[in-house]
């Protein structure tokens, strides 16, 4: 609650700073007010920004607090050393702009996480963009595998050769679950990204 209140104050300060900067500066007092507002906005920015965690080594096992879900295969966690954004290993979910499939996959991932406060993170790799790629577990349940099994993501063939994932995908396809319920480009997120850059 305090964090939301501080963010609200930060937005109000930014708004006031923009408003005052649009006005003509008529006095030294006006300049002083703008400087004070700028310092306050900067200070709140620094205080509200949590430190990023140093890149963990592949093979690391971490227990982290769940912060947020960005989409069907990306989430943010808070570990002891800071905040870490994670790309879920071995799966590829429809992009958010692939309406409605991206939103459905994101909501399903959130549902799988439920009210979890902590998840287990098994770091597998660091991708070419510098993102941490990891398997995510909740009570020993592999959530990436669950996304594939429920038809909300595909096996990321370039990086995942696990027979268990391919079997789960085949079962989801045969049962016409999730993305397999209708044909379309939502069944191939990598191809969709190439076509929509």
C-alpha atoms as a PDB file:
ATOM      1  CA  UNK A   1       0.000   0.000   0.000  1.00  0.00           C
ATOM      2  CA  UNK A   2       2.819   2.412   0.863  1.00  0.00           C
ATOM      3  CA  UNK A   3       4.521   1.710  -2.464  1.00  0.00           C
ATOM      4  CA  UNK A   4       1.327   2.520  -4.408  1.00  0.00           C
ATOM      5  CA  UNK A   5       0.908   5.744  -2.427  1.00  0.00           C
ATOM      6  CA  UNK A   6       4.500   6.752  -3.181  1.00  0.00           C
ATOM      7  CA  UNK A   7       3.977   6.017  -6.870  1.00  0.00           C
ATOM      8  CA  UNK A   8       0.884   8.239  -6.811  1.00  0.00           C
ATOM      9  CA  UNK A   9       2.894  11.044  -5.179  1.00  0.00           C
ATOM     10  CA  UNK A  10       5.592  10.518  -7.794  1.00  0.00           C
ATOM     11  CA  UNK A  11       3.059  10.858 -10.640  1.00  0.00           C
ATOM     12  CA  UNK A  12       1.603  14.011  -9.079  1.00  0.00           C
ATOM     13  CA  UNK A  13       5.067  15.540  -8.673  1.00  0.00           C
ATOM     14  CA  UNK A  14       5.931  14.749 -12.294  1.00  0.00           C
ATOM     15  CA  UNK A  15       2.676  16.277 -13.475  1.00  0.00           C
ATOM     16  CA  UNK A  16       3.296  19.443 -11.458  1.00  0.00           C
ATOM     17  CA  UNK A  17       6.866  19.638 -12.731  1.00  0.00           C
ATOM     18  CA  UNK A  18       5.672  19.417 -16.366  1.00  0.00           C
ATOM     19  CA  UNK A  19       2.986  22.046 -15.726  1.00  0.00           C
ATOM     20  CA  UNK A  20       5.429  24.478 -14.183  1.00  0.00           C
ATOM     21  CA  UNK A  21       7.996  23.923 -16.930  1.00  0.00           C
ATOM     22  CA  UNK A  22       5.399  24.850 -19.562  1.00  0.00           C
ATOM     23  CA  UNK A  23       4.787  28.170 -17.834  1.00  0.00           C
ATOM     24  CA  UNK A  24       7.146  31.021 -18.344  1.00  0.00           C
ATOM     25  CA  UNK A  25       9.621  31.376 -15.545  1.00  0.00           C
ATOM     26  CA  UNK A  26       9.036  34.820 -14.096  1.00  0.00           C
ATOM     27  CA  UNK A  27      11.132  34.698 -10.986  1.00  0.00           C
ATOM     28  CA  UNK A  28      13.943  33.019  -9.156  1.00  0.00           C
ATOM     29  CA  UNK A  29      11.262  31.448  -6.943  1.00  0.00           C
ATOM     30  CA  UNK A  30       9.748  29.694  -9.954  1.00  0.00           C
ATOM     31  CA  UNK A  31      13.132  28.256 -10.885  1.00  0.00           C
ATOM     32  CA  UNK A  32      13.640  27.112  -7.284  1.00  0.00           C
ATOM     33  CA  UNK A  33      10.253  25.342  -7.216  1.00  0.00           C
ATOM     34  CA  UNK A  34      11.086  23.511 -10.450  1.00  0.00           C
ATOM     35  CA  UNK A  35      14.466  22.425  -9.089  1.00  0.00           C
ATOM     36  CA  UNK A  36      12.925  21.171  -5.842  1.00  0.00           C
ATOM     37  CA  UNK A  37      10.239  19.225  -7.769  1.00  0.00           C
ATOM     38  CA  UNK A  38      12.884  17.714 -10.062  1.00  0.00           C
ATOM     39  CA  UNK A  39      14.976  16.602  -7.088  1.00  0.00           C
ATOM     40  CA  UNK A  40      11.924  15.063  -5.400  1.00  0.00           C
ATOM     41  CA  UNK A  41      10.920  13.161  -8.566  1.00  0.00           C
ATOM     42  CA  UNK A  42      14.480  11.877  -9.017  1.00  0.00           C
ATOM     43  CA  UNK A  43      14.712  10.861  -5.359  1.00  0.00           C
ATOM     44  CA  UNK A  44      11.426   8.943  -5.496  1.00  0.00           C
ATOM     45  CA  UNK A  45      12.555   7.237  -8.721  1.00  0.00           C
ATOM     46  CA  UNK A  46      15.723   6.040  -7.033  1.00  0.00           C
ATOM     47  CA  UNK A  47      13.958   4.946  -3.879  1.00  0.00           C
ATOM     48  CA  UNK A  48      11.153   3.054  -5.663  1.00  0.00           C
ATOM     49  CA  UNK A  49      13.433   1.271  -8.118  1.00  0.00           C
ATOM     50  CA  UNK A  50      14.504  -2.038  -6.679  1.00  0.00           C
ATOM     51  CA  UNK A  51      18.004  -3.213  -7.511  1.00  0.00           C
ATOM     52  CA  UNK A  52      18.338  -5.679 -10.349  1.00  0.00           C
ATOM     53  CA  UNK A  53      19.806  -8.985  -9.367  1.00  0.00           C
ATOM     54  CA  UNK A  54      23.199  -9.783 -10.885  1.00  0.00           C
ATOM     55  CA  UNK A  55      22.849 -12.368 -13.648  1.00  0.00           C
ATOM     56  CA  UNK A  56      22.671 -15.767 -11.950  1.00  0.00           C
ATOM     57  CA  UNK A  57      24.809 -18.648 -13.150  1.00  0.00           C
ATOM     58  CA  UNK A  58      23.154 -21.457 -15.114  1.00  0.00           C
ATOM     59  CA  UNK A  59      22.478 -24.301 -12.713  1.00  0.00           C
ATOM     60  CA  UNK A  60      21.516 -21.962  -9.856  1.00  0.00           C
ATOM     61  CA  UNK A  61      18.472 -22.962  -7.804  1.00  0.00           C
ATOM     62  CA  UNK A  62      16.690 -19.991  -6.234  1.00  0.00           C
ATOM     63  CA  UNK A  63      13.579 -19.422  -4.174  1.00  0.00           C
ATOM     64  CA  UNK A  64      12.124 -16.046  -5.067  1.00  0.00           C
ATOM     65  CA  UNK A  65       9.049 -13.979  -4.322  1.00  0.00           C
ATOM     66  CA  UNK A  66       6.672 -13.614  -7.244  1.00  0.00           C
ATOM     67  CA  UNK A  67       6.348  -9.974  -8.343  1.00  0.00           C
ATOM     68  CA  UNK A  68       4.412  -9.987 -11.626  1.00  0.00           C
ATOM     69  CA  UNK A  69       3.561 -11.852 -14.808  1.00  0.00           C
ATOM     70  CA  UNK A  70       4.301 -10.005 -18.049  1.00  0.00           C
ATOM     71  CA  UNK A  71       2.913 -12.582 -20.482  1.00  0.00           C
ATOM     72  CA  UNK A  72       2.465 -16.325 -20.939  1.00  0.00           C
ATOM     73  CA  UNK A  73       6.197 -17.064 -20.757  1.00  0.00           C
ATOM     74  CA  UNK A  74       7.745 -14.159 -18.823  1.00  0.00           C
ATOM     75  CA  UNK A  75       7.593 -13.187 -15.167  1.00  0.00           C
ATOM     76  CA  UNK A  76       9.418 -11.023 -12.653  1.00  0.00           C
ATOM     77  CA  UNK A  77      10.568 -12.284  -9.258  1.00  0.00           C
ATOM     78  CA  UNK A  78      12.330 -10.771  -6.251  1.00  0.00           C
ATOM     79  CA  UNK A  79      15.224 -12.870  -5.000  1.00  0.00           C
ATOM     80  CA  UNK A  80      17.578 -12.164  -2.089  1.00  0.00           C
ATOM     81  CA  UNK A  81      19.955 -10.209  -4.322  1.00  0.00           C
ATOM     82  CA  UNK A  82      17.354  -8.174  -6.210  1.00  0.00           C
ATOM     83  CA  UNK A  83      14.730  -8.250  -8.946  1.00  0.00           C
ATOM     84  CA  UNK A  84      15.037 -10.734 -11.792  1.00  0.00           C
ATOM     85  CA  UNK A  85      13.024 -10.919 -15.013  1.00  0.00           C
ATOM     86  CA  UNK A  86      12.717 -14.498 -16.264  1.00  0.00           C
ATOM     87  CA  UNK A  87      11.900 -16.049 -19.619  1.00  0.00           C
ATOM     88  CA  UNK A  88      10.361 -19.454 -18.921  1.00  0.00           C
ATOM     89  CA  UNK A  89      12.555 -22.201 -20.365  1.00  0.00           C
ATOM     90  CA  UNK A  90      11.360 -24.507 -23.104  1.00  0.00           C
ATOM     91  CA  UNK A  91       8.071 -22.876 -24.040  1.00  0.00           C
ATOM     92  CA  UNK A  92       6.786 -20.133 -26.298  1.00  0.00           C
ATOM     93  CA  UNK A  93       3.381 -18.614 -25.583  1.00  0.00           C
ATOM     94  CA  UNK A  94       1.408 -16.413 -27.993  1.00  0.00           C
ATOM     95  CA  UNK A  95       2.469 -12.774 -27.899  1.00  0.00           C
ATOM     96  CA  UNK A  96       0.273 -10.273 -26.076  1.00  0.00           C
ATOM     97  CA  UNK A  97      -0.585  -8.612 -29.420  1.00  0.00           C
ATOM     98  CA  UNK A  98      -1.902 -11.951 -30.750  1.00  0.00           C
ATOM     99  CA  UNK A  99      -5.431 -11.196 -29.562  1.00  0.00           C
ATOM    100  CA  UNK A 100      -7.078 -12.913 -27.832  1.00  0.00           C
ATOM    101  CA  UNK A 101      -4.552 -15.760 -27.482  1.00  0.00           C
ATOM    102  CA  UNK A 102      -1.773 -13.766 -25.813  1.00  0.00           C
ATOM    103  CA  UNK A 103      -4.095 -12.436 -23.120  1.00  0.00           C
ATOM    104  CA  UNK A 104      -5.577 -15.890 -22.561  1.00  0.00           C
ATOM    105  CA  UNK A 105      -2.091 -17.412 -22.130  1.00  0.00           C
ATOM    106  CA  UNK A 106      -1.091 -14.641 -19.717  1.00  0.00           C
ATOM    107  CA  UNK A 107      -4.210 -15.127 -17.604  1.00  0.00           C
ATOM    108  CA  UNK A 108      -3.694 -18.897 -17.600  1.00  0.00           C
ATOM    109  CA  UNK A 109      -0.113 -18.466 -16.369  1.00  0.00           C
ATOM    110  CA  UNK A 110      -1.414 -16.188 -13.600  1.00  0.00           C
ATOM    111  CA  UNK A 111      -4.040 -18.807 -12.721  1.00  0.00           C
ATOM    112  CA  UNK A 112      -1.364 -21.506 -12.473  1.00  0.00           C
ATOM    113  CA  UNK A 113       0.549 -19.286 -10.055  1.00  0.00           C
ATOM    114  CA  UNK A 114      -2.608 -18.560  -8.081  1.00  0.00           C
ATOM    115  CA  UNK A 115      -1.874 -16.788  -4.816  1.00  0.00           C
ATOM    116  CA  UNK A 116       1.691 -18.067  -4.692  1.00  0.00           C
ATOM    117  CA  UNK A 117       4.098 -15.819  -2.892  1.00  0.00           C
ATOM    118  CA  UNK A 118       7.213 -17.784  -3.791  1.00  0.00           C
ATOM    119  CA  UNK A 119       8.370 -19.888  -6.718  1.00  0.00           C
ATOM    120  CA  UNK A 120      11.393 -22.075  -7.261  1.00  0.00           C
ATOM    121  CA  UNK A 121      13.652 -20.951 -10.086  1.00  0.00           C
ATOM    122  CA  UNK A 122      16.091 -23.314 -11.816  1.00  0.00           C
ATOM    123  CA  UNK A 123      18.337 -21.192 -14.000  1.00  0.00           C
ATOM    124  CA  UNK A 124      19.018 -22.977 -17.293  1.00  0.00           C
ATOM    125  CA  UNK A 125      20.684 -20.337 -19.455  1.00  0.00           C
ATOM    126  CA  UNK A 126      21.165 -16.680 -20.284  1.00  0.00           C
ATOM    127  CA  UNK A 127      19.738 -15.911 -23.731  1.00  0.00           C
ATOM    128  CA  UNK A 128      21.259 -13.739 -26.444  1.00  0.00           C
ATOM    129  CA  UNK A 129      19.351 -10.725 -25.078  1.00  0.00           C
ATOM    130  CA  UNK A 130      20.852 -11.180 -21.608  1.00  0.00           C
ATOM    131  CA  UNK A 131      17.607 -12.502 -20.109  1.00  0.00           C
ATOM    132  CA  UNK A 132      17.629 -15.238 -17.509  1.00  0.00           C
ATOM    133  CA  UNK A 133      16.015 -18.393 -18.883  1.00  0.00           C
ATOM    134  CA  UNK A 134      14.745 -20.686 -16.153  1.00  0.00           C
ATOM    135  CA  UNK A 135      12.353 -23.448 -15.283  1.00  0.00           C
ATOM    136  CA  UNK A 136       9.713 -22.252 -12.826  1.00  0.00           C
ATOM    137  CA  UNK A 137       8.278 -24.564 -10.202  1.00  0.00           C
ATOM    138  CA  UNK A 138       5.444 -24.115  -7.767  1.00  0.00           C
ATOM    139  CA  UNK A 139       5.159 -26.900  -5.192  1.00  0.00           C
ATOM    140  CA  UNK A 140       7.330 -29.132  -7.413  1.00  0.00           C
ATOM    141  CA  UNK A 141       5.052 -28.533 -10.424  1.00  0.00           C
ATOM    142  CA  UNK A 142       6.840 -27.439 -13.610  1.00  0.00           C
ATOM    143  CA  UNK A 143       4.751 -24.464 -14.746  1.00  0.00           C
ATOM    144  CA  UNK A 144       6.252 -24.360 -18.247  1.00  0.00           C
ATOM    145  CA  UNK A 145       5.219 -27.963 -18.775  1.00  0.00           C
ATOM    146  CA  UNK A 146       1.770 -27.149 -17.364  1.00  0.00           C
ATOM    147  CA  UNK A 147       1.377 -24.313 -19.908  1.00  0.00           C
ATOM    148  CA  UNK A 148       2.165 -26.724 -22.754  1.00  0.00           C
ATOM    149  CA  UNK A 149      -0.035 -29.489 -21.309  1.00  0.00           C
ATOM    150  CA  UNK A 150      -2.950 -27.040 -21.029  1.00  0.00           C
ATOM    151  CA  UNK A 151      -2.524 -25.874 -24.630  1.00  0.00           C
ATOM    152  CA  UNK A 152      -1.477 -22.322 -23.703  1.00  0.00           C
ATOM    153  CA  UNK A 153       2.070 -22.497 -25.097  1.00  0.00           C
ATOM    154  CA  UNK A 154       4.077 -24.531 -27.584  1.00  0.00           C
ATOM    155  CA  UNK A 155       7.346 -26.348 -27.072  1.00  0.00           C
ATOM    156  CA  UNK A 156      10.155 -23.987 -28.062  1.00  0.00           C
ATOM    157  CA  UNK A 157      11.760 -26.433 -30.464  1.00  0.00           C
ATOM    158  CA  UNK A 158      15.008 -24.489 -30.886  1.00  0.00           C
ATOM    159  CA  UNK A 159      15.812 -24.836 -27.191  1.00  0.00           C
ATOM    160  CA  UNK A 160      13.825 -27.752 -25.796  1.00  0.00           C
ATOM    161  CA  UNK A 161      14.260 -31.387 -26.752  1.00  0.00           C
ATOM    162  CA  UNK A 162      12.525 -32.878 -23.716  1.00  0.00           C
ATOM    163  CA  UNK A 163      10.266 -35.800 -24.717  1.00  0.00           C
ATOM    164  CA  UNK A 164       7.973 -35.014 -21.770  1.00  0.00           C
ATOM    165  CA  UNK A 165       7.194 -31.571 -23.216  1.00  0.00           C
ATOM    166  CA  UNK A 166       6.584 -32.974 -26.709  1.00  0.00           C
ATOM    167  CA  UNK A 167       4.249 -35.638 -25.302  1.00  0.00           C
ATOM    168  CA  UNK A 168       2.330 -32.958 -23.378  1.00  0.00           C
ATOM    169  CA  UNK A 169       2.015 -30.857 -26.528  1.00  0.00           C
ATOM    170  CA  UNK A 170       0.738 -33.808 -28.538  1.00  0.00           C
ATOM    171  CA  UNK A 171      -1.895 -34.575 -25.892  1.00  0.00           C
ATOM    172  CA  UNK A 172      -3.018 -30.912 -25.893  1.00  0.00           C
ATOM    173  CA  UNK A 173      -3.200 -30.898 -29.709  1.00  0.00           C
ATOM    174  CA  UNK A 174      -5.266 -34.082 -29.832  1.00  0.00           C
ATOM    175  CA  UNK A 175      -7.622 -32.786 -27.144  1.00  0.00           C
ATOM    176  CA  UNK A 176      -7.834 -29.384 -28.958  1.00  0.00           C
ATOM    177  CA  UNK A 177      -6.959 -27.488 -25.787  1.00  0.00           C
ATOM    178  CA  UNK A 178      -6.202 -23.768 -25.734  1.00  0.00           C
ATOM    179  CA  UNK A 179      -4.360 -22.606 -28.855  1.00  0.00           C
ATOM    180  CA  UNK A 180      -5.069 -25.952 -30.513  1.00  0.00           C
ATOM    181  CA  UNK A 181      -8.844 -25.348 -30.429  1.00  0.00           C
ATOM    182  CA  UNK A 182      -8.645 -23.261 -33.628  1.00  0.00           C
ATOM    183  CA  UNK A 183      -6.062 -23.197 -36.418  1.00  0.00           C
ATOM    184  CA  UNK A 184      -4.067 -20.006 -36.880  1.00  0.00           C
ATOM    185  CA  UNK A 185      -0.795 -18.159 -36.415  1.00  0.00           C
ATOM    186  CA  UNK A 186      -1.233 -18.247 -32.626  1.00  0.00           C
ATOM    187  CA  UNK A 187       0.011 -21.840 -32.882  1.00  0.00           C
ATOM    188  CA  UNK A 188       3.426 -20.611 -34.052  1.00  0.00           C
ATOM    189  CA  UNK A 189       4.565 -17.573 -32.009  1.00  0.00           C
ATOM    190  CA  UNK A 190       8.084 -17.477 -33.570  1.00  0.00           C
ATOM    191  CA  UNK A 191       6.623 -17.237 -37.095  1.00  0.00           C
ATOM    192  CA  UNK A 192       4.143 -14.592 -35.944  1.00  0.00           C
ATOM    193  CA  UNK A 193       6.994 -12.495 -34.465  1.00  0.00           C
ATOM    194  CA  UNK A 194       8.971 -12.718 -37.709  1.00  0.00           C
ATOM    195  CA  UNK A 195       5.950 -11.526 -39.709  1.00  0.00           C
ATOM    196  CA  UNK A 196       5.020  -8.703 -37.301  1.00  0.00           C
ATOM    197  CA  UNK A 197       8.279  -6.918 -36.533  1.00  0.00           C
END
